[in-house]
Protein backbone atom coordinates (compact mmCIF):
# COMPACT_ATOMS: atom_id res chain seq x y z
CA MET A 1 -60.93 59.48 -32.60
CA ASP A 2 -59.90 59.71 -36.25
CA ALA A 3 -61.69 58.01 -39.15
CA LEU A 4 -59.17 55.17 -39.54
CA THR A 5 -59.35 54.22 -35.86
CA ALA A 6 -63.15 54.30 -35.98
CA THR A 7 -63.16 52.15 -39.12
CA LEU A 8 -60.86 49.54 -37.58
CA ALA A 9 -62.98 49.51 -34.40
CA LEU A 10 -66.18 49.00 -36.38
CA LEU A 11 -64.68 46.16 -38.40
CA ARG A 12 -63.37 44.56 -35.22
CA LEU A 13 -66.96 43.84 -34.16
CA GLU A 14 -67.59 40.18 -34.94
CA GLY A 15 -70.24 39.78 -37.64
CA MET A 16 -69.81 43.29 -39.04
CA GLY A 17 -68.10 42.68 -42.41
CA PRO A 18 -67.98 45.06 -45.39
CA GLY A 19 -71.70 44.68 -46.16
CA ARG A 20 -72.98 45.91 -42.80
CA TYR A 21 -70.15 48.43 -42.59
CA TRP A 22 -71.24 50.14 -45.81
CA GLN A 23 -74.90 50.11 -44.76
CA LEU A 24 -73.89 52.04 -41.65
CA ILE A 25 -71.75 54.51 -43.61
CA GLU A 26 -74.60 55.15 -46.04
CA HIS A 27 -76.89 55.88 -43.11
CA PHE A 28 -74.60 57.83 -40.76
CA GLY A 29 -72.13 59.34 -43.22
CA SER A 30 -68.90 58.57 -41.33
CA PRO A 31 -67.33 55.64 -39.47
CA LEU A 32 -67.09 57.61 -36.21
CA ARG A 33 -70.77 58.58 -36.18
CA ALA A 34 -71.68 54.99 -37.10
CA LEU A 35 -69.56 53.64 -34.24
CA GLN A 36 -71.03 56.10 -31.76
CA SER A 37 -74.62 55.50 -32.85
CA LEU A 38 -74.85 51.79 -33.63
CA PRO A 39 -78.60 51.13 -33.90
CA ASP A 40 -80.23 48.49 -31.69
CA THR A 41 -81.75 46.84 -34.78
CA LEU A 42 -78.23 45.98 -35.98
CA LEU A 43 -76.69 45.39 -32.57
CA ILE A 44 -79.06 42.53 -31.73
CA LYS A 45 -78.00 40.77 -34.98
CA LEU A 46 -74.35 40.71 -33.90
CA PRO A 47 -72.82 37.98 -31.69
CA GLU A 48 -72.88 38.52 -27.93
CA ARG A 49 -69.16 39.32 -27.81
CA ALA A 50 -69.63 42.14 -30.34
CA GLN A 51 -72.57 43.51 -28.36
CA SER A 52 -70.47 43.49 -25.20
CA GLN A 53 -67.55 45.21 -26.96
CA TRP A 54 -69.78 47.96 -28.30
CA ARG A 55 -71.49 48.62 -24.96
CA ASP A 56 -68.05 48.90 -23.38
CA PHE A 57 -67.13 51.46 -26.07
CA ALA A 58 -70.39 53.37 -25.48
CA ARG A 59 -69.47 53.67 -21.78
CA ARG A 60 -65.73 54.31 -21.94
CA GLY A 61 -65.05 55.68 -25.44
CA GLU A 62 -61.35 55.80 -26.29
CA GLN A 63 -60.52 53.98 -23.05
CA SER A 64 -62.52 50.94 -24.17
CA GLU A 65 -61.09 47.60 -25.28
CA LEU A 66 -62.35 48.22 -28.83
CA ALA A 67 -60.59 51.59 -29.18
CA ALA A 68 -57.42 50.24 -27.56
CA TRP A 69 -57.32 47.36 -30.06
CA ALA A 70 -57.74 49.73 -33.03
CA GLN A 71 -54.90 51.93 -31.81
CA ALA A 72 -52.67 48.94 -31.11
CA GLU A 73 -53.39 47.50 -34.59
CA GLN A 74 -52.14 50.72 -36.17
CA GLN A 75 -48.98 50.66 -34.07
CA HIS A 76 -48.31 47.00 -34.93
CA CYS A 77 -48.64 47.83 -38.63
CA LYS A 78 -46.29 50.77 -38.28
CA ASP A 79 -43.71 48.63 -36.48
CA ALA A 80 -43.95 45.91 -39.17
CA GLY A 81 -43.73 48.32 -42.12
CA ILE A 82 -47.32 47.62 -43.17
CA ARG A 83 -49.34 50.47 -44.67
CA LEU A 84 -53.00 50.88 -43.71
CA LEU A 85 -54.93 52.50 -46.54
CA ALA A 86 -58.55 53.52 -45.91
CA TYR A 87 -61.24 53.92 -48.54
CA GLY A 88 -61.41 57.58 -49.56
CA GLU A 89 -57.69 58.26 -49.28
CA ASP A 90 -56.01 59.52 -52.45
CA GLU A 91 -53.83 56.42 -52.72
CA TYR A 92 -56.75 53.97 -52.52
CA PRO A 93 -56.87 52.06 -55.88
CA ARG A 94 -59.39 53.72 -58.18
CA LEU A 95 -60.69 50.53 -59.82
CA LEU A 96 -61.15 48.80 -56.47
CA ALA A 97 -63.04 51.80 -55.12
CA GLU A 98 -65.60 51.36 -57.92
CA ILE A 99 -66.80 47.89 -56.89
CA SER A 100 -69.81 47.29 -54.69
CA ARG A 101 -68.85 47.47 -51.01
CA PRO A 102 -65.08 47.64 -51.44
CA PRO A 103 -62.69 46.87 -48.57
CA PRO A 104 -62.96 49.72 -46.05
CA VAL A 105 -59.28 49.27 -45.20
CA LEU A 106 -56.38 47.65 -47.04
CA TYR A 107 -53.29 46.27 -45.34
CA ILE A 108 -50.32 46.61 -47.71
CA ARG A 109 -46.82 45.21 -47.33
CA GLY A 110 -44.63 46.44 -50.14
CA ALA A 111 -44.99 49.18 -52.74
CA VAL A 112 -48.30 51.04 -52.45
CA GLU A 113 -47.73 52.56 -55.89
CA ALA A 114 -47.87 49.06 -57.42
CA LEU A 115 -51.62 49.07 -56.76
CA HIS A 116 -52.03 51.84 -59.32
CA LEU A 117 -50.42 49.96 -62.20
CA PRO A 118 -52.72 48.48 -64.87
CA GLN A 119 -53.32 44.96 -63.63
CA ILE A 120 -54.34 41.61 -65.08
CA ALA A 121 -55.44 38.93 -62.65
CA VAL A 122 -54.31 35.39 -63.47
CA VAL A 123 -56.21 32.70 -61.56
CA GLY A 124 -56.81 28.98 -61.78
CA ALA A 125 -56.66 25.59 -60.15
CA ARG A 126 -54.45 24.77 -57.19
CA ARG A 127 -53.94 21.26 -58.55
CA ALA A 128 -53.33 22.39 -62.09
CA SER A 129 -51.94 20.20 -64.83
CA ALA A 130 -48.40 20.71 -66.08
CA GLY A 131 -49.91 22.41 -69.12
CA GLY A 132 -51.95 24.75 -66.95
CA LEU A 133 -48.88 25.73 -64.93
CA ASP A 134 -46.92 26.34 -68.12
CA ASN A 135 -49.72 28.54 -69.49
CA ALA A 136 -50.01 30.53 -66.28
CA HIS A 137 -46.26 31.14 -66.18
CA ALA A 138 -45.97 32.01 -69.87
CA PHE A 139 -49.02 34.29 -70.06
CA ALA A 140 -48.00 36.12 -66.87
CA ALA A 141 -44.43 36.58 -68.11
CA GLU A 142 -45.55 37.96 -71.44
CA LEU A 143 -48.24 40.24 -69.97
CA ALA A 144 -45.77 41.55 -67.40
CA GLY A 145 -43.34 42.14 -70.25
CA ALA A 146 -46.07 44.21 -71.93
CA GLY A 147 -46.34 46.44 -68.86
CA PHE A 148 -49.15 44.88 -66.85
CA ALA A 149 -48.81 44.05 -63.18
CA ILE A 150 -49.93 40.46 -62.51
CA THR A 151 -52.37 40.03 -59.65
CA SER A 152 -53.19 36.68 -58.07
CA GLY A 153 -53.83 34.99 -54.74
CA LEU A 154 -50.48 33.38 -53.76
CA ALA A 155 -52.14 29.94 -53.73
CA LEU A 156 -50.42 26.79 -54.90
CA GLY A 157 -50.77 25.89 -58.56
CA VAL A 158 -51.77 28.53 -61.11
CA ASP A 159 -51.47 31.49 -58.71
CA ALA A 160 -47.88 30.73 -57.79
CA ALA A 161 -46.95 30.00 -61.42
CA ALA A 162 -48.39 33.38 -62.46
CA HIS A 163 -46.46 35.25 -59.77
CA ARG A 164 -43.25 33.49 -60.79
CA GLY A 165 -43.83 34.19 -64.47
CA ALA A 166 -44.16 37.90 -63.77
CA LEU A 167 -41.02 37.90 -61.63
CA LYS A 168 -39.05 36.00 -64.27
CA SER A 169 -39.78 38.71 -66.83
CA GLY A 170 -38.71 41.45 -64.41
CA GLY A 171 -42.31 42.59 -63.95
CA ILE A 172 -44.42 43.58 -60.97
CA THR A 173 -46.82 41.20 -59.27
CA LEU A 174 -49.30 41.60 -56.42
CA ALA A 175 -50.49 38.87 -54.05
CA VAL A 176 -53.90 39.26 -52.42
CA LEU A 177 -54.38 37.19 -49.26
CA GLY A 178 -57.34 35.69 -47.44
CA THR A 179 -55.38 35.99 -44.19
CA GLY A 180 -53.60 38.74 -42.32
CA VAL A 181 -50.67 40.01 -44.38
CA ASP A 182 -48.41 38.93 -41.52
CA ARG A 183 -49.69 35.36 -41.74
CA LEU A 184 -48.74 34.06 -45.15
CA TYR A 185 -50.76 31.16 -46.51
CA PRO A 186 -49.80 28.66 -47.70
CA ARG A 187 -46.52 28.72 -45.79
CA ARG A 188 -44.89 26.94 -48.73
CA ASN A 189 -45.15 30.22 -50.67
CA ALA A 190 -43.68 32.44 -47.96
CA ALA A 191 -40.40 32.84 -49.84
CA LEU A 192 -42.34 33.73 -52.99
CA ALA A 193 -44.19 36.46 -51.08
CA GLU A 194 -40.90 37.93 -49.91
CA GLU A 195 -39.59 37.92 -53.49
CA ILE A 196 -42.75 39.70 -54.65
CA VAL A 197 -42.21 42.49 -52.11
CA ALA A 198 -38.47 42.73 -52.80
CA SER A 199 -39.15 43.05 -56.54
CA GLY A 200 -41.37 46.11 -56.22
CA GLY A 201 -44.72 44.38 -55.79
CA ALA A 202 -46.96 44.08 -52.76
CA VAL A 203 -48.80 41.66 -50.52
CA ILE A 204 -52.32 42.90 -49.83
CA GLY A 205 -55.29 41.98 -47.64
CA GLU A 206 -58.25 43.47 -45.83
CA LEU A 207 -58.19 41.30 -42.71
CA PRO A 208 -56.62 42.25 -39.36
CA LEU A 209 -53.12 41.11 -38.52
CA GLY A 210 -53.00 37.50 -37.40
CA SER A 211 -56.20 36.48 -39.24
CA ALA A 212 -56.24 32.76 -40.01
CA PRO A 213 -56.98 31.17 -43.41
CA GLU A 214 -60.68 30.51 -42.84
CA ALA A 215 -62.85 29.37 -45.77
CA ALA A 216 -65.17 32.40 -45.55
CA ASN A 217 -62.23 34.77 -46.14
CA PHE A 218 -61.41 33.61 -49.65
CA PRO A 219 -64.49 34.80 -51.58
CA ARG A 220 -63.76 38.23 -50.03
CA ARG A 221 -60.14 37.89 -51.17
CA ASN A 222 -61.30 36.97 -54.68
CA ARG A 223 -63.41 40.12 -55.11
CA ILE A 224 -60.28 42.19 -54.37
CA ILE A 225 -58.25 40.29 -56.99
CA SER A 226 -60.84 41.01 -59.67
CA GLY A 227 -61.60 44.50 -58.35
CA LEU A 228 -57.99 45.65 -58.64
CA SER A 229 -57.69 44.38 -62.20
CA MET A 230 -58.70 45.53 -65.65
CA GLY A 231 -59.34 41.94 -66.59
CA VAL A 232 -59.14 38.38 -65.27
CA LEU A 233 -57.49 35.47 -67.08
CA LEU A 234 -58.87 32.07 -66.11
CA VAL A 235 -56.26 29.40 -66.87
CA GLU A 236 -57.78 26.16 -65.54
CA ALA A 237 -60.79 25.69 -63.28
CA ALA A 238 -63.25 23.02 -62.29
CA LEU A 239 -66.95 23.86 -62.37
CA ARG A 240 -66.98 24.37 -58.61
CA SER A 241 -63.89 26.36 -57.71
CA GLY A 242 -62.74 29.61 -56.17
CA SER A 243 -61.19 30.63 -59.48
CA LEU A 244 -64.57 30.44 -61.18
CA ILE A 245 -66.00 32.62 -58.40
CA THR A 246 -63.30 35.20 -59.12
CA ALA A 247 -64.18 35.18 -62.83
CA ARG A 248 -67.89 35.57 -62.11
CA GLN A 249 -67.18 38.44 -59.73
CA ALA A 250 -65.13 40.08 -62.47
CA LEU A 251 -68.11 39.92 -64.83
CA GLU A 252 -70.31 41.47 -62.14
CA GLN A 253 -67.72 44.22 -61.69
CA ASN A 254 -67.76 44.94 -65.45
CA ARG A 255 -64.22 43.71 -65.90
CA GLU A 256 -62.97 41.85 -68.94
CA VAL A 257 -62.78 38.09 -68.47
CA PHE A 258 -60.53 35.85 -70.56
CA ALA A 259 -60.36 32.06 -70.54
CA ILE A 260 -57.94 29.55 -72.04
CA PRO A 261 -59.82 26.61 -73.60
CA GLY A 262 -58.75 23.06 -72.99
CA SER A 263 -59.62 19.48 -73.80
CA ILE A 264 -63.30 18.54 -73.58
CA HIS A 265 -62.14 15.50 -71.58
CA SER A 266 -60.41 17.52 -68.85
CA PRO A 267 -62.40 18.44 -65.70
CA LEU A 268 -60.05 21.41 -65.27
CA ALA A 269 -61.17 22.83 -68.63
CA ARG A 270 -64.87 22.80 -67.81
CA GLY A 271 -64.80 25.98 -65.76
CA CYS A 272 -63.06 27.82 -68.60
CA HIS A 273 -65.55 26.48 -71.14
CA ARG A 274 -68.48 27.51 -68.92
CA MET A 275 -67.10 31.04 -68.63
CA ILE A 276 -66.61 31.24 -72.41
CA ARG A 277 -70.27 30.30 -72.85
CA ASP A 278 -71.16 32.96 -70.28
CA GLY A 279 -69.33 35.71 -72.16
CA ALA A 280 -65.62 35.37 -71.40
CA ALA A 281 -63.26 35.92 -74.33
CA LEU A 282 -61.49 32.81 -75.59
CA VAL A 283 -57.77 33.48 -75.77
CA GLU A 284 -54.88 31.51 -77.21
CA THR A 285 -52.05 34.03 -76.75
CA SER A 286 -51.32 36.97 -74.49
CA THR A 287 -51.56 39.21 -77.55
CA ASP A 288 -55.31 38.42 -77.63
CA ILE A 289 -55.61 40.02 -74.20
CA VAL A 290 -53.59 43.12 -75.03
CA GLN A 291 -55.60 43.68 -78.21
CA GLN A 292 -58.94 43.24 -76.42
CA LEU A 293 -57.93 45.85 -73.87
CA GLY A 294 -57.55 48.33 -76.69
CA GLY A 295 -53.81 48.15 -77.22
CA LEU A 296 -53.33 50.01 -73.94
CA LEU A 297 -49.77 48.84 -73.58
CA ALA A 298 -46.98 47.43 -75.70
CA GLU A 299 -47.27 44.11 -77.48
CA PRO A 300 -46.12 41.23 -75.25
CA LYS A 301 -42.47 40.31 -75.43
CA THR A 302 -41.85 36.86 -76.83
CA ALA A 303 -38.11 36.65 -76.31
CA LEU A 304 -38.70 34.63 -73.14
CA SER A 305 -39.64 31.57 -75.20
CA GLU A 306 -36.71 29.29 -75.82
CA PRO A 307 -36.31 27.90 -79.35
CA ALA A 308 -37.76 24.41 -79.55
CA PRO A 309 -35.30 21.65 -80.47
CA GLN A 310 -36.06 19.64 -83.61
CA LEU A 311 -37.92 16.39 -83.13
CA GLU A 312 -36.96 13.16 -84.82
CA PRO A 313 -39.49 11.87 -87.42
CA ARG A 314 -40.82 9.13 -85.12
CA GLN A 315 -41.19 11.60 -82.24
CA ARG A 316 -43.01 14.03 -84.54
CA ARG A 317 -45.45 11.30 -85.62
CA LEU A 318 -46.11 10.59 -81.95
CA VAL A 319 -46.74 14.28 -81.23
CA GLU A 320 -49.16 14.44 -84.16
CA ALA A 321 -50.92 11.29 -82.89
CA LEU A 322 -51.37 12.89 -79.48
CA GLY A 323 -53.05 15.90 -81.09
CA GLY A 324 -55.18 18.08 -78.83
CA ASP A 325 -56.79 15.51 -76.51
CA PRO A 326 -55.53 12.92 -74.01
CA ARG A 327 -54.75 9.59 -75.66
CA SER A 328 -54.35 6.11 -74.21
CA MET A 329 -51.35 3.89 -74.90
CA GLU A 330 -53.57 1.59 -77.00
CA GLN A 331 -54.73 4.49 -79.17
CA LEU A 332 -51.18 5.72 -79.68
CA ALA A 333 -49.96 2.24 -80.62
CA ARG A 334 -52.75 1.93 -83.17
CA ASP A 335 -52.16 5.39 -84.68
CA THR A 336 -48.37 5.24 -84.85
CA GLY A 337 -47.75 1.55 -85.52
CA GLU A 338 -45.15 1.51 -82.72
CA SER A 339 -44.91 -1.19 -80.08
CA VAL A 340 -45.86 -0.36 -76.49
CA GLY A 341 -42.23 -0.66 -75.41
CA GLU A 342 -41.03 1.76 -78.09
CA LEU A 343 -43.86 4.17 -77.27
CA MET A 344 -43.02 4.18 -73.56
CA ALA A 345 -39.39 5.03 -74.34
CA MET A 346 -40.35 7.89 -76.67
CA LEU A 347 -43.01 9.23 -74.29
CA LEU A 348 -40.47 9.29 -71.49
CA GLN A 349 -38.07 11.30 -73.68
CA LEU A 350 -40.83 13.74 -74.63
CA GLU A 351 -41.95 14.06 -71.03
CA LEU A 352 -38.41 14.90 -69.89
CA ALA A 353 -38.23 17.51 -72.69
CA GLY A 354 -41.46 19.11 -71.44
CA TYR A 355 -43.60 18.14 -74.46
CA VAL A 356 -45.85 15.55 -72.85
CA GLU A 357 -47.49 14.96 -69.49
CA GLN A 358 -48.94 11.76 -68.12
CA LEU A 359 -52.56 11.64 -66.99
CA PRO A 360 -54.59 8.83 -65.39
CA GLY A 361 -55.12 6.42 -68.26
CA GLY A 362 -53.09 8.23 -70.89
CA TYR A 363 -50.91 11.10 -72.10
CA GLN A 364 -51.44 14.59 -73.49
CA LEU A 365 -49.33 17.37 -74.96
CA THR A 366 -48.18 20.28 -72.84
CA PRO A 367 -48.39 23.79 -74.37
CA ARG A 368 -44.74 23.37 -75.36
CA GLY A 369 -45.59 20.13 -77.14
CA ALA A 370 -48.72 21.57 -78.73
CA ALA A 371 -46.60 24.32 -80.23
CA GLN A 372 -44.83 21.62 -82.27
CA LEU A 373 -48.08 20.85 -84.09
CA GLN A 374 -47.89 24.09 -86.04
CA PHE A 375 -44.62 22.97 -87.66
CA ALA A 376 -46.34 19.85 -88.98
CA GLU A 377 -49.07 21.82 -90.78
């Protein structure tokens, strides 16, 4: 039995996981010796099904159900065009190999060479604001234009916006899944995953084919996102969120962490502010990230930004009144001297132009609208 088959068989045992796997490798030196010599002290900690599977392997070896599954998994991957990449192989990503207890095996659909590009992870809230989605798209597009591959988790919200931003700029993006790579989640982003692969990127995971989107899988997914990357950009995050976990894991992995600040009134800004207090770099432009990484690559391209149309004087006063924080209709009426009816008409125009977004109880500027403030200074 070769090392890859032994590794897959070990990981097939319910309750094994990367932690116990690496403890065995440290003790026995190879996956095959670990599989053949599973100690009773570990065996009794595994579920009954895993104990039964291992005893069957101990009796029948390569004729066992466990060995047959590992061989079939490799054949299924081959038939589906999925590459299995084991830790220790030359093509295994160097940065990922450096983290504590890295994935023993990666399932890769797409370009394996994309894993070796310098990567920036862009992560954030699934239910992001319009401004957060704009930031994720714009930062990813500019960083991809500077030569970075954009890594994220294919989730709704910030993840999807980051992937699309990279694709729009003609860049490479990688999607790391908390499911089997043949079971895309969420299904709404299946077409996006196909576009990622077709554009020279890859869809990556460490779970067997057919694995469902269980909650316990996503912290494991997040450590791969940060582990592959030189740095992690946190766009929007609540204080209790998977994105914040990814950023904390990045700090533990000695990666650079960047965060975009937001309004003190926004719950989705609190995770970013917490990370800034904990040592993340506050960033306002993608150039901040490139410079912090030592000018490794070219300066971000800015040609993607469309020239902003000129605002009428009354619209400009309204933009200035909105400022940096959410404002209620009453506050805007007081600060601009406009009637509520006139304000509603102007806000609708600005919202359609992408300058303003409506929140519960008020309005705030989008990044596109905030950019207009500099022309008023």
